Amino acid sequence: MNSVEKKLIETLKKTFKINKIPTNFKKLKMGDIKKWDSLGNYKLLLAVEKQFKIRFETSIFTELKSINEILRAIKNEKK
């Protein structure tokens, strides 16, 4: 697990106020965590932007609904 994944796990825990993330966290998507609904997704993406000091394009904001998609977007923004 790399540092980006570790930071993302911490962001998930803080955003949804949970202590444990499933081991297959890369497969998580909106709806898999109790409070991860559309509003929760918005809050998560804002928290990710703050944590990683990046800004997602408005056009992709609505497309980011899974951990894999968020990880890809983080990598693209960090280039």
Protein backbone atom coordinates (compact mmCIF):
# COMPACT_ATOMS: atom_id res chain seq x y z
CA MET A 1 0.00 0.00 0.00
CA ASN A 2 1.46 3.35 -1.01
CA SER A 3 1.23 6.74 0.71
CA VAL A 4 -1.61 7.97 -1.51
CA GLU A 5 -3.71 4.94 -0.57
CA LYS A 6 -2.92 5.41 3.12
CA LYS A 7 -3.95 9.07 2.98
CA LEU A 8 -7.13 8.14 1.14
CA ILE A 9 -8.01 5.56 3.81
CA GLU A 10 -7.55 8.20 6.52
CA THR A 11 -9.75 10.59 4.55
CA LEU A 12 -12.44 7.91 4.24
CA LYS A 13 -12.32 7.22 7.98
CA LYS A 14 -12.59 10.90 8.88
CA THR A 15 -15.30 11.70 6.34
CA PHE A 16 -17.57 8.80 7.26
CA LYS A 17 -16.52 8.57 10.92
CA ILE A 18 -15.62 4.89 10.74
CA ASN A 19 -12.73 3.02 12.31
CA LYS A 20 -12.22 0.10 9.96
CA ILE A 21 -11.92 -0.02 6.18
CA PRO A 22 -12.33 -3.37 4.36
CA THR A 23 -9.07 -4.90 3.14
CA ASN A 24 -10.30 -4.73 -0.45
CA PHE A 25 -10.83 -0.97 -0.11
CA LYS A 26 -9.86 -0.32 -3.76
CA LYS A 27 -13.13 -2.03 -4.77
CA LEU A 28 -15.28 0.24 -2.59
CA LYS A 29 -17.83 2.43 -4.32
CA MET A 30 -20.61 4.80 -3.40
CA GLY A 31 -23.21 2.90 -1.38
CA ASP A 32 -20.76 0.37 0.10
CA ILE A 33 -20.32 2.46 3.27
CA LYS A 34 -23.41 3.47 5.21
CA LYS A 35 -23.06 7.26 4.80
CA TRP A 36 -21.54 7.16 1.33
CA ASP A 37 -24.52 8.47 -0.60
CA SER A 38 -24.53 11.37 -3.08
CA LEU A 39 -24.03 13.97 -0.34
CA GLY A 40 -21.39 11.80 1.33
CA ASN A 41 -19.62 11.46 -2.00
CA TYR A 42 -19.52 15.25 -2.35
CA LYS A 43 -18.09 15.58 1.17
CA LEU A 44 -15.52 12.87 0.45
CA LEU A 45 -14.34 14.53 -2.74
CA LEU A 46 -13.98 17.89 -1.00
CA ALA A 47 -11.99 16.19 1.78
CA VAL A 48 -9.78 14.46 -0.81
CA GLU A 49 -9.10 17.78 -2.52
CA LYS A 50 -8.10 19.32 0.80
CA GLN A 51 -5.98 16.33 1.91
CA PHE A 52 -4.03 16.12 -1.35
CA LYS A 53 -4.01 19.88 -2.09
CA ILE A 54 -5.57 19.36 -5.54
CA ARG A 55 -8.68 20.50 -7.39
CA PHE A 56 -10.80 18.17 -9.48
CA GLU A 57 -12.31 19.53 -12.65
CA THR A 58 -16.02 20.23 -12.20
CA SER A 59 -16.79 17.99 -15.17
CA ILE A 60 -15.36 14.87 -13.49
CA PHE A 61 -16.70 15.58 -10.00
CA THR A 62 -19.94 13.68 -10.70
CA GLU A 63 -18.08 10.77 -12.30
CA LEU A 64 -15.94 9.95 -9.24
CA LYS A 65 -18.00 7.35 -7.40
CA SER A 66 -15.48 4.68 -6.44
CA ILE A 67 -12.10 4.42 -4.78
CA ASN A 68 -10.45 3.28 -8.02
CA GLU A 69 -11.84 6.31 -9.88
CA ILE A 70 -10.74 8.65 -7.08
CA LEU A 71 -7.23 7.13 -7.00
CA ARG A 72 -6.92 7.57 -10.78
CA ALA A 73 -8.09 11.19 -10.54
CA ILE A 74 -5.61 11.93 -7.74
CA LYS A 75 -2.77 10.52 -9.84
CA ASN A 76 -3.87 12.60 -12.86
CA GLU A 77 -4.02 15.79 -10.78
CA LYS A 78 -0.59 15.20 -9.25
CA LYS A 79 1.13 15.03 -12.66
